[in-house]
Amino acid sequence: MDTLKLRIKQLLIEMLDLHDMTVDDIDDDAPLFSTDGIGLDSVDALEVGIMLRKEFQLTITANDERTRDHFRSINTLAAFIAGQQSNQALNEAATAKGSDS
């Protein structure tokens, strides 16, 4: 999971031009969309969503109430990504097993 968190931080810095920050400056539990944390805004949220879809092949539903919770911090993003990747792997395994029958 630490590798995933590091990759998310690197992507945020690259995609949002946060070049004045390093991965060490971004606390895993700091709020992403708060002045007490990184201070991202709604435009940044859209860019983050697009970046996550491209990088991790995620399904993100804009009108899902949980989306805001998933985007709260690096920790919550990493858990969301890991969960979706796990579900994708299970679905692919079930599909492969079903086609073998």
PDB file of N, CA and C in Angstrom:
ATOM      1  N   MET A   1       0.835  -1.201   0.000  1.00  0.00           N
ATOM      2  CA  MET A   1       0.000   0.000   0.000  1.00  0.00           C
ATOM      3  C   MET A   1       0.871   1.252   0.000  1.00  0.00           C
ATOM      4  N   ASP A   2       2.059   1.186   0.629  1.00  0.00           N
ATOM      5  CA  ASP A   2       2.936   2.359   0.640  1.00  0.00           C
ATOM      6  C   ASP A   2       3.374   2.752  -0.765  1.00  0.00           C
ATOM      7  N   THR A   3       3.589   1.769  -1.626  1.00  0.00           N
ATOM      8  CA  THR A   3       3.965   2.049  -3.012  1.00  0.00           C
ATOM      9  C   THR A   3       2.826   2.767  -3.729  1.00  0.00           C
ATOM     10  N   LEU A   4       1.594   2.343  -3.458  1.00  0.00           N
ATOM     11  CA  LEU A   4       0.425   2.975  -4.057  1.00  0.00           C
ATOM     12  C   LEU A   4       0.292   4.422  -3.572  1.00  0.00           C
ATOM     13  N   LYS A   5       0.475   4.644  -2.285  1.00  0.00           N
ATOM     14  CA  LYS A   5       0.386   6.006  -1.742  1.00  0.00           C
ATOM     15  C   LYS A   5       1.455   6.907  -2.349  1.00  0.00           C
ATOM     16  N   LEU A   6       2.647   6.391  -2.484  1.00  0.00           N
ATOM     17  CA  LEU A   6       3.730   7.157  -3.096  1.00  0.00           C
ATOM     18  C   LEU A   6       3.379   7.517  -4.538  1.00  0.00           C
ATOM     19  N   ARG A   7       2.826   6.553  -5.284  1.00  0.00           N
ATOM     20  CA  ARG A   7       2.449   6.809  -6.683  1.00  0.00           C
ATOM     21  C   ARG A   7       1.351   7.867  -6.765  1.00  0.00           C
ATOM     22  N   ILE A   8       0.376   7.817  -5.878  1.00  0.00           N
ATOM     23  CA  ILE A   8      -0.692   8.822  -5.869  1.00  0.00           C
ATOM     24  C   ILE A   8      -0.101  10.206  -5.619  1.00  0.00           C
ATOM     25  N   LYS A   9       0.791  10.309  -4.662  1.00  0.00           N
ATOM     26  CA  LYS A   9       1.426  11.599  -4.360  1.00  0.00           C
ATOM     27  C   LYS A   9       2.207  12.119  -5.562  1.00  0.00           C
ATOM     28  N   GLN A  10       2.962  11.234  -6.200  1.00  0.00           N
ATOM     29  CA  GLN A  10       3.736  11.636  -7.381  1.00  0.00           C
ATOM     30  C   GLN A  10       2.816  12.138  -8.487  1.00  0.00           C
ATOM     31  N   LEU A  11       1.723  11.428  -8.704  1.00  0.00           N
ATOM     32  CA  LEU A  11       0.764  11.833  -9.740  1.00  0.00           C
ATOM     33  C   LEU A  11       0.130  13.181  -9.420  1.00  0.00           C
ATOM     34  N   LEU A  12      -0.229  13.388  -8.153  1.00  0.00           N
ATOM     35  CA  LEU A  12      -0.816  14.676  -7.765  1.00  0.00           C
ATOM     36  C   LEU A  12       0.157  15.820  -8.036  1.00  0.00           C
ATOM     37  N   ILE A  13       1.399  15.624  -7.665  1.00  0.00           N
ATOM     38  CA  ILE A  13       2.414  16.667  -7.858  1.00  0.00           C
ATOM     39  C   ILE A  13       2.597  16.944  -9.345  1.00  0.00           C
ATOM     40  N   GLU A  14       2.673  15.887 -10.154  1.00  0.00           N
ATOM     41  CA  GLU A  14       2.875  16.056 -11.594  1.00  0.00           C
ATOM     42  C   GLU A  14       1.652  16.668 -12.277  1.00  0.00           C
ATOM     43  N   MET A  15       0.481  16.111 -12.034  1.00  0.00           N
ATOM     44  CA  MET A  15      -0.728  16.513 -12.759  1.00  0.00           C
ATOM     45  C   MET A  15      -1.240  17.887 -12.346  1.00  0.00           C
ATOM     46  N   LEU A  16      -1.011  18.265 -11.087  1.00  0.00           N
ATOM     47  CA  LEU A  16      -1.547  19.531 -10.593  1.00  0.00           C
ATOM     48  C   LEU A  16      -0.470  20.605 -10.473  1.00  0.00           C
ATOM     49  N   ASP A  17       0.700  20.327 -11.032  1.00  0.00           N
ATOM     50  CA  ASP A  17       1.816  21.284 -10.993  1.00  0.00           C
ATOM     51  C   ASP A  17       2.121  21.767  -9.575  1.00  0.00           C
ATOM     52  N   LEU A  18       2.197  20.838  -8.651  1.00  0.00           N
ATOM     53  CA  LEU A  18       2.524  21.163  -7.255  1.00  0.00           C
ATOM     54  C   LEU A  18       4.030  21.018  -7.047  1.00  0.00           C
ATOM     55  N   HIS A  19       4.790  21.602  -7.944  1.00  0.00           N
ATOM     56  CA  HIS A  19       6.242  21.409  -7.947  1.00  0.00           C
ATOM     57  C   HIS A  19       6.947  22.038  -6.753  1.00  0.00           C
ATOM     58  N   ASP A  20       6.241  22.859  -5.983  1.00  0.00           N
ATOM     59  CA  ASP A  20       6.832  23.399  -4.766  1.00  0.00           C
ATOM     60  C   ASP A  20       6.706  22.408  -3.607  1.00  0.00           C
ATOM     61  N   MET A  21       6.075  21.246  -3.873  1.00  0.00           N
ATOM     62  CA  MET A  21       5.885  20.215  -2.856  1.00  0.00           C
ATOM     63  C   MET A  21       6.661  18.963  -3.253  1.00  0.00           C
ATOM     64  N   THR A  22       6.988  18.168  -2.248  1.00  0.00           N
ATOM     65  CA  THR A  22       7.565  16.844  -2.474  1.00  0.00           C
ATOM     66  C   THR A  22       6.603  15.812  -1.895  1.00  0.00           C
ATOM     67  N   VAL A  23       6.835  14.556  -2.196  1.00  0.00           N
ATOM     68  CA  VAL A  23       5.973  13.509  -1.643  1.00  0.00           C
ATOM     69  C   VAL A  23       6.030  13.509  -0.113  1.00  0.00           C
ATOM     70  N   ASP A  24       7.165  13.913   0.432  1.00  0.00           N
ATOM     71  CA  ASP A  24       7.300  13.960   1.897  1.00  0.00           C
ATOM     72  C   ASP A  24       6.477  15.084   2.516  1.00  0.00           C
ATOM     73  N   ASP A  25       6.135  16.099   1.720  1.00  0.00           N
ATOM     74  CA  ASP A  25       5.330  17.217   2.216  1.00  0.00           C
ATOM     75  C   ASP A  25       3.848  16.851   2.345  1.00  0.00           C
ATOM     76  N   ILE A  26       3.446  15.780   1.690  1.00  0.00           N
ATOM     77  CA  ILE A  26       2.038  15.392   1.675  1.00  0.00           C
ATOM     78  C   ILE A  26       1.821  14.271   2.685  1.00  0.00           C
ATOM     79  N   ASP A  27       1.162  14.623   3.785  1.00  0.00           N
ATOM     80  CA  ASP A  27       0.862  13.640   4.823  1.00  0.00           C
ATOM     81  C   ASP A  27      -0.232  12.700   4.317  1.00  0.00           C
ATOM     82  N   ASP A  28      -0.096  11.418   4.616  1.00  0.00           N
ATOM     83  CA  ASP A  28      -1.050  10.428   4.121  1.00  0.00           C
ATOM     84  C   ASP A  28      -2.482  10.700   4.565  1.00  0.00           C
ATOM     85  N   ASP A  29      -2.661  11.333   5.717  1.00  0.00           N
ATOM     86  CA  ASP A  29      -4.010  11.562   6.234  1.00  0.00           C
ATOM     87  C   ASP A  29      -4.427  13.031   6.168  1.00  0.00           C
ATOM     88  N   ALA A  30      -3.612  13.876   5.569  1.00  0.00           N
ATOM     89  CA  ALA A  30      -3.955  15.297   5.453  1.00  0.00           C
ATOM     90  C   ALA A  30      -5.125  15.468   4.487  1.00  0.00           C
ATOM     91  N   PRO A  31      -6.056  16.349   4.818  1.00  0.00           N
ATOM     92  CA  PRO A  31      -7.173  16.598   3.893  1.00  0.00           C
ATOM     93  C   PRO A  31      -6.658  17.172   2.578  1.00  0.00           C
ATOM     94  N   LEU A  32      -7.116  16.608   1.471  1.00  0.00           N
ATOM     95  CA  LEU A  32      -6.685  17.099   0.171  1.00  0.00           C
ATOM     96  C   LEU A  32      -7.378  18.411  -0.191  1.00  0.00           C
ATOM     97  N   PHE A  33      -8.634  18.574   0.230  1.00  0.00           N
ATOM     98  CA  PHE A  33      -9.435  19.732  -0.168  1.00  0.00           C
ATOM     99  C   PHE A  33      -9.751  20.617   1.022  1.00  0.00           C
ATOM    100  N   SER A  34      -8.727  21.041   1.709  1.00  0.00           N
ATOM    101  CA  SER A  34      -8.881  21.907   2.873  1.00  0.00           C
ATOM    102  C   SER A  34      -7.636  22.767   3.003  1.00  0.00           C
ATOM    103  N   THR A  35      -7.812  23.956   3.515  1.00  0.00           N
ATOM    104  CA  THR A  35      -6.648  24.814   3.729  1.00  0.00           C
ATOM    105  C   THR A  35      -5.759  24.266   4.835  1.00  0.00           C
ATOM    106  N   ASP A  36      -6.306  23.356   5.644  1.00  0.00           N
ATOM    107  CA  ASP A  36      -5.501  22.706   6.680  1.00  0.00           C
ATOM    108  C   ASP A  36      -4.654  21.575   6.110  1.00  0.00           C
ATOM    109  N   GLY A  37      -4.921  21.238   4.854  1.00  0.00           N
ATOM    110  CA  GLY A  37      -4.178  20.161   4.201  1.00  0.00           C
ATOM    111  C   GLY A  37      -3.474  20.695   2.972  1.00  0.00           C
ATOM    112  N   ILE A  38      -3.727  20.071   1.842  1.00  0.00           N
ATOM    113  CA  ILE A  38      -3.065  20.455   0.596  1.00  0.00           C
ATOM    114  C   ILE A  38      -3.732  21.663  -0.043  1.00  0.00           C
ATOM    115  N   GLY A  39      -5.039  21.812   0.160  1.00  0.00           N
ATOM    116  CA  GLY A  39      -5.738  22.989  -0.339  1.00  0.00           C
ATOM    117  C   GLY A  39      -6.196  22.900  -1.782  1.00  0.00           C
ATOM    118  N   LEU A  40      -6.502  21.696  -2.254  1.00  0.00           N
ATOM    119  CA  LEU A  40      -6.992  21.541  -3.620  1.00  0.00           C
ATOM    120  C   LEU A  40      -8.417  22.089  -3.713  1.00  0.00           C
ATOM    121  N   ASP A  41      -8.838  22.439  -4.946  1.00  0.00           N
ATOM    122  CA  ASP A  41     -10.181  22.972  -5.149  1.00  0.00           C
ATOM    123  C   ASP A  41     -10.996  22.054  -6.056  1.00  0.00           C
ATOM    124  N   SER A  42     -12.198  22.484  -6.430  1.00  0.00           N
ATOM    125  CA  SER A  42     -13.098  21.634  -7.211  1.00  0.00           C
ATOM    126  C   SER A  42     -12.550  21.334  -8.604  1.00  0.00           C
ATOM    127  N   VAL A  43     -11.840  22.272  -9.212  1.00  0.00           N
ATOM    128  CA  VAL A  43     -11.223  22.013 -10.515  1.00  0.00           C
ATOM    129  C   VAL A  43     -10.151  20.935 -10.365  1.00  0.00           C
ATOM    130  N   ASP A  44      -9.383  21.028  -9.280  1.00  0.00           N
ATOM    131  CA  ASP A  44      -8.377  19.996  -8.999  1.00  0.00           C
ATOM    132  C   ASP A  44      -9.044  18.630  -8.817  1.00  0.00           C
ATOM    133  N   ALA A  45     -10.220  18.621  -8.184  1.00  0.00           N
ATOM    134  CA  ALA A  45     -10.932  17.364  -7.956  1.00  0.00           C
ATOM    135  C   ALA A  45     -11.266  16.691  -9.281  1.00  0.00           C
ATOM    136  N   LEU A  46     -11.696  17.481 -10.258  1.00  0.00           N
ATOM    137  CA  LEU A  46     -11.990  16.926 -11.582  1.00  0.00           C
ATOM    138  C   LEU A  46     -10.732  16.349 -12.221  1.00  0.00           C
ATOM    139  N   GLU A  47      -9.639  17.080 -12.127  1.00  0.00           N
ATOM    140  CA  GLU A  47      -8.377  16.608 -12.698  1.00  0.00           C
ATOM    141  C   GLU A  47      -7.893  15.339 -12.003  1.00  0.00           C
ATOM    142  N   VAL A  48      -8.046  15.290 -10.690  1.00  0.00           N
ATOM    143  CA  VAL A  48      -7.646  14.097  -9.933  1.00  0.00           C
ATOM    144  C   VAL A  48      -8.483  12.901 -10.377  1.00  0.00           C
ATOM    145  N   GLY A  49      -9.791  13.110 -10.524  1.00  0.00           N
ATOM    146  CA  GLY A  49     -10.671  12.039 -10.974  1.00  0.00           C
ATOM    147  C   GLY A  49     -10.272  11.501 -12.337  1.00  0.00           C
ATOM    148  N   ILE A  50      -9.977  12.396 -13.264  1.00  0.00           N
ATOM    149  CA  ILE A  50      -9.556  11.988 -14.610  1.00  0.00           C
ATOM    150  C   ILE A  50      -8.239  11.224 -14.548  1.00  0.00           C
ATOM    151  N   MET A  51      -7.314  11.751 -13.749  1.00  0.00           N
ATOM    152  CA  MET A  51      -6.010  11.104 -13.605  1.00  0.00           C
ATOM    153  C   MET A  51      -6.153   9.699 -13.021  1.00  0.00           C
ATOM    154  N   LEU A  52      -7.006   9.538 -12.026  1.00  0.00           N
ATOM    155  CA  LEU A  52      -7.200   8.225 -11.405  1.00  0.00           C
ATOM    156  C   LEU A  52      -7.841   7.242 -12.381  1.00  0.00           C
ATOM    157  N   ARG A  53      -8.797   7.723 -13.168  1.00  0.00           N
ATOM    158  CA  ARG A  53      -9.431   6.855 -14.170  1.00  0.00           C
ATOM    159  C   ARG A  53      -8.400   6.346 -15.169  1.00  0.00           C
ATOM    160  N   LYS A  54      -7.534   7.252 -15.627  1.00  0.00           N
ATOM    161  CA  LYS A  54      -6.529   6.874 -16.621  1.00  0.00           C
ATOM    162  C   LYS A  54      -5.454   5.964 -16.037  1.00  0.00           C
ATOM    163  N   GLU A  55      -4.946   6.337 -14.892  1.00  0.00           N
ATOM    164  CA  GLU A  55      -3.813   5.626 -14.303  1.00  0.00           C
ATOM    165  C   GLU A  55      -4.201   4.259 -13.734  1.00  0.00           C
ATOM    166  N   PHE A  56      -5.367   4.190 -13.100  1.00  0.00           N
ATOM    167  CA  PHE A  56      -5.744   2.975 -12.374  1.00  0.00           C
ATOM    168  C   PHE A  56      -7.004   2.305 -12.922  1.00  0.00           C
ATOM    169  N   GLN A  57      -7.532   2.787 -14.052  1.00  0.00           N
ATOM    170  CA  GLN A  57      -8.738   2.236 -14.666  1.00  0.00           C
ATOM    171  C   GLN A  57      -9.890   2.132 -13.665  1.00  0.00           C
ATOM    172  N   LEU A  58     -10.110   3.224 -12.937  1.00  0.00           N
ATOM    173  CA  LEU A  58     -11.144   3.241 -11.911  1.00  0.00           C
ATOM    174  C   LEU A  58     -12.494   3.625 -12.480  1.00  0.00           C
ATOM    175  N   THR A  59     -13.524   3.208 -11.782  1.00  0.00           N
ATOM    176  CA  THR A  59     -14.871   3.678 -12.060  1.00  0.00           C
ATOM    177  C   THR A  59     -15.221   4.645 -10.934  1.00  0.00           C
ATOM    178  N   ILE A  60     -15.419   5.898 -11.301  1.00  0.00           N
ATOM    179  CA  ILE A  60     -15.746   6.927 -10.311  1.00  0.00           C
ATOM    180  C   ILE A  60     -17.093   7.515 -10.697  1.00  0.00           C
ATOM    181  N   THR A  61     -18.035   7.455  -9.778  1.00  0.00           N
ATOM    182  CA  THR A  61     -19.370   7.973 -10.025  1.00  0.00           C
ATOM    183  C   THR A  61     -19.502   9.327  -9.336  1.00  0.00           C
ATOM    184  N   ALA A  62     -19.729  10.360 -10.127  1.00  0.00           N
ATOM    185  CA  ALA A  62     -19.778  11.717  -9.595  1.00  0.00           C
ATOM    186  C   ALA A  62     -20.916  11.916  -8.600  1.00  0.00           C
ATOM    187  N   ASN A  63     -22.043  11.267  -8.830  1.00  0.00           N
ATOM    188  CA  ASN A  63     -23.185  11.478  -7.941  1.00  0.00           C
ATOM    189  C   ASN A  63     -23.243  10.486  -6.782  1.00  0.00           C
ATOM    190  N   ASP A  64     -22.203   9.683  -6.610  1.00  0.00           N
ATOM    191  CA  ASP A  64     -22.118   8.755  -5.488  1.00  0.00           C
ATOM    192  C   ASP A  64     -21.670   9.543  -4.253  1.00  0.00           C
ATOM    193  N   GLU A  65     -22.439   9.461  -3.192  1.00  0.00           N
ATOM    194  CA  GLU A  65     -22.133  10.212  -1.971  1.00  0.00           C
ATOM    195  C   GLU A  65     -20.796   9.804  -1.361  1.00  0.00           C
ATOM    196  N   ARG A  66     -20.348   8.587  -1.634  1.00  0.00           N
ATOM    197  CA  ARG A  66     -19.083   8.112  -1.067  1.00  0.00           C
ATOM    198  C   ARG A  66     -17.861   8.687  -1.775  1.00  0.00           C
ATOM    199  N   THR A  67     -18.038   9.236  -2.972  1.00  0.00           N
ATOM    200  CA  THR A  67     -16.905   9.754  -3.736  1.00  0.00           C
ATOM    201  C   THR A  67     -16.150  10.810  -2.948  1.00  0.00           C
ATOM    202  N   ARG A  68     -16.870  11.696  -2.307  1.00  0.00           N
ATOM    203  CA  ARG A  68     -16.223  12.741  -1.498  1.00  0.00           C
ATOM    204  C   ARG A  68     -15.359  12.125  -0.404  1.00  0.00           C
ATOM    205  N   ASP A  69     -15.864  11.067   0.218  1.00  0.00           N
ATOM    206  CA  ASP A  69     -15.093  10.386   1.270  1.00  0.00           C
ATOM    207  C   ASP A  69     -13.839   9.731   0.691  1.00  0.00           C
ATOM    208  N   HIS A  70     -13.953   9.147  -0.491  1.00  0.00           N
ATOM    209  CA  HIS A  70     -12.803   8.505  -1.126  1.00  0.00           C
ATOM    210  C   HIS A  70     -11.700   9.513  -1.440  1.00  0.00           C
ATOM    211  N   PHE A  71     -12.082  10.748  -1.739  1.00  0.00           N
ATOM    212  CA  PHE A  71     -11.129  11.781  -2.138  1.00  0.00           C
ATOM    213  C   PHE A  71     -10.630  12.616  -0.958  1.00  0.00           C
ATOM    214  N   ARG A  72     -10.905  12.205   0.261  1.00  0.00           N
ATOM    215  CA  ARG A  72     -10.557  12.999   1.441  1.00  0.00           C
ATOM    216  C   ARG A  72      -9.050  13.128   1.660  1.00  0.00           C
ATOM    217  N   SER A  73      -8.296  12.041   1.481  1.00  0.00           N
ATOM    218  CA  SER A  73      -6.862  12.051   1.775  1.00  0.00           C
ATOM    219  C   SER A  73      -6.149  11.010   0.914  1.00  0.00           C
ATOM    220  N   ILE A  74      -4.853  10.982   1.031  1.00  0.00           N
ATOM    221  CA  ILE A  74      -4.067   9.952   0.332  1.00  0.00           C
ATOM    222  C   ILE A  74      -4.473   8.568   0.828  1.00  0.00           C
ATOM    223  N   ASN A  75      -4.666   8.426   2.135  1.00  0.00           N
ATOM    224  CA  ASN A  75      -5.070   7.133   2.695  1.00  0.00           C
ATOM    225  C   ASN A  75      -6.396   6.654   2.119  1.00  0.00           C
ATOM    226  N   THR A  76      -7.386   7.548   2.038  1.00  0.00           N
ATOM    227  CA  THR A  76      -8.692   7.134   1.539  1.00  0.00           C
ATOM    228  C   THR A  76      -8.646   6.868   0.036  1.00  0.00           C
ATOM    229  N   LEU A  77      -7.860   7.637  -0.713  1.00  0.00           N
ATOM    230  CA  LEU A  77      -7.697   7.363  -2.141  1.00  0.00           C
ATOM    231  C   LEU A  77      -7.034   6.005  -2.366  1.00  0.00           C
ATOM    232  N   ALA A  78      -5.999   5.725  -1.595  1.00  0.00           N
ATOM    233  CA  ALA A  78      -5.289   4.445  -1.734  1.00  0.00           C
ATOM    234  C   ALA A  78      -6.217   3.276  -1.411  1.00  0.00           C
ATOM    235  N   ALA A  79      -7.021   3.409  -0.379  1.00  0.00           N
ATOM    236  CA  ALA A  79      -7.959   2.343  -0.018  1.00  0.00           C
ATOM    237  C   ALA A  79      -8.998   2.154  -1.119  1.00  0.00           C
ATOM    238  N   PHE A  80      -9.486   3.248  -1.685  1.00  0.00           N
ATOM    239  CA  PHE A  80     -10.458   3.189  -2.774  1.00  0.00           C
ATOM    240  C   PHE A  80      -9.867   2.491  -3.995  1.00  0.00           C
ATOM    241  N   ILE A  81      -8.661   2.884  -4.375  1.00  0.00           N
ATOM    242  CA  ILE A  81      -7.988   2.278  -5.535  1.00  0.00           C
ATOM    243  C   ILE A  81      -7.733   0.794  -5.285  1.00  0.00           C
ATOM    244  N   ALA A  82      -7.205   0.462  -4.120  1.00  0.00           N
ATOM    245  CA  ALA A  82      -6.913  -0.940  -3.798  1.00  0.00           C
ATOM    246  C   ALA A  82      -8.193  -1.773  -3.828  1.00  0.00           C
ATOM    247  N   GLY A  83      -9.268  -1.214  -3.304  1.00  0.00           N
ATOM    248  CA  GLY A  83     -10.550  -1.927  -3.309  1.00  0.00           C
ATOM    249  C   GLY A  83     -11.062  -2.166  -4.718  1.00  0.00           C
ATOM    250  N   GLN A  84     -10.991  -1.149  -5.563  1.00  0.00           N
ATOM    251  CA  GLN A  84     -11.453  -1.313  -6.946  1.00  0.00           C
ATOM    252  C   GLN A  84     -10.570  -2.300  -7.708  1.00  0.00           C
ATOM    253  N   GLN A  85      -9.276  -2.234  -7.491  1.00  0.00           N
ATOM    254  CA  GLN A  85      -8.375  -3.165  -8.178  1.00  0.00           C
ATOM    255  C   GLN A  85      -8.638  -4.598  -7.730  1.00  0.00           C
ATOM    256  N   SER A  86      -8.925  -4.770  -6.463  1.00  0.00           N
ATOM    257  CA  SER A  86      -9.237  -6.101  -5.945  1.00  0.00           C
ATOM    258  C   SER A  86     -10.530  -6.621  -6.571  1.00  0.00           C
ATOM    259  N   ASN A  87     -11.539  -5.758  -6.655  1.00  0.00           N
ATOM    260  CA  ASN A  87     -12.807  -6.157  -7.281  1.00  0.00           C
ATOM    261  C   ASN A  87     -12.619  -6.491  -8.760  1.00  0.00           C
ATOM    262  N   GLN A  88     -11.800  -5.695  -9.453  1.00  0.00           N
ATOM    263  CA  GLN A  88     -11.531  -5.954 -10.869  1.00  0.00           C
ATOM    264  C   GLN A  88     -10.853  -7.316 -11.047  1.00  0.00           C
ATOM    265  N   ALA A  89      -9.896  -7.611 -10.176  1.00  0.00           N
ATOM    266  CA  ALA A  89      -9.183  -8.895 -10.262  1.00  0.00           C
ATOM    267  C   ALA A  89     -10.139 -10.054 -10.009  1.00  0.00           C
ATOM    268  N   LEU A  90     -11.030  -9.910  -9.034  1.00  0.00           N
ATOM    269  CA  LEU A  90     -12.010 -10.963  -8.752  1.00  0.00           C
ATOM    270  C   LEU A  90     -12.963 -11.162  -9.930  1.00  0.00           C
ATOM    271  N   ASN A  91     -13.419 -10.063 -10.516  1.00  0.00           N
ATOM    272  CA  ASN A  91     -14.321 -10.150 -11.664  1.00  0.00           C
ATOM    273  C   ASN A  91     -13.648 -10.803 -12.857  1.00  0.00           C
ATOM    274  N   GLU A  92     -12.394 -10.455 -13.090  1.00  0.00           N
ATOM    275  CA  GLU A  92     -11.652 -11.050 -14.204  1.00  0.00           C
ATOM    276  C   GLU A  92     -11.435 -12.544 -13.970  1.00  0.00           C
ATOM    277  N   ALA A  93     -11.131 -12.912 -12.728  1.00  0.00           N
ATOM    278  CA  ALA A  93     -10.936 -14.333 -12.414  1.00  0.00           C
ATOM    279  C   ALA A  93     -12.232 -15.106 -12.590  1.00  0.00           C
ATOM    280  N   ALA A  94     -13.347 -14.515 -12.167  1.00  0.00           N
ATOM    281  CA  ALA A  94     -14.637 -15.191 -12.306  1.00  0.00           C
ATOM    282  C   ALA A  94     -15.010 -15.324 -13.781  1.00  0.00           C
ATOM    283  N   THR A  95     -14.727 -14.284 -14.563  1.00  0.00           N
ATOM    284  CA  THR A  95     -15.011 -14.330 -15.995  1.00  0.00           C
ATOM    285  C   THR A  95     -14.166 -15.404 -16.671  1.00  0.00           C
ATOM    286  N   ALA A  96     -12.890 -15.464 -16.322  1.00  0.00           N
ATOM    287  CA  ALA A  96     -11.996 -16.458 -16.903  1.00  0.00           C
ATOM    288  C   ALA A  96     -12.439 -17.867 -16.526  1.00  0.00           C
ATOM    289  N   LYS A  97     -12.840 -18.040 -15.287  1.00  0.00           N
ATOM    290  CA  LYS A  97     -13.291 -19.357 -14.825  1.00  0.00           C
ATOM    291  C   LYS A  97     -14.587 -19.755 -15.531  1.00  0.00           C
ATOM    292  N   GLY A  98     -15.474 -18.782 -15.721  1.00  0.00           N
ATOM    293  CA  GLY A  98     -16.742 -19.055 -16.402  1.00  0.00           C
ATOM    294  C   GLY A  98     -16.538 -19.415 -17.859  1.00  0.00           C
ATOM    295  N   SER A  99     -15.545 -18.841 -18.511  1.00  0.00           N
ATOM    296  CA  SER A  99     -15.306 -19.159 -19.921  1.00  0.00           C
ATOM    297  C   SER A  99     -14.575 -20.494 -20.088  1.00  0.00           C
ATOM    298  N   ASP A 100     -13.970 -20.980 -18.987  1.00  0.00           N
ATOM    299  CA  ASP A 100     -13.315 -22.294 -19.038  1.00  0.00           C
ATOM    300  C   ASP A 100     -14.327 -23.424 -18.948  1.00  0.00           C
ATOM    301  N   SER A 101     -15.507 -23.140 -18.418  1.00  0.00           N
ATOM    302  CA  SER A 101     -16.520 -24.186 -18.202  1.00  0.00           C
ATOM    303  C   SER A 101     -17.185 -24.595 -19.489  1.00  0.00           C
TER     304      SER A 101
END
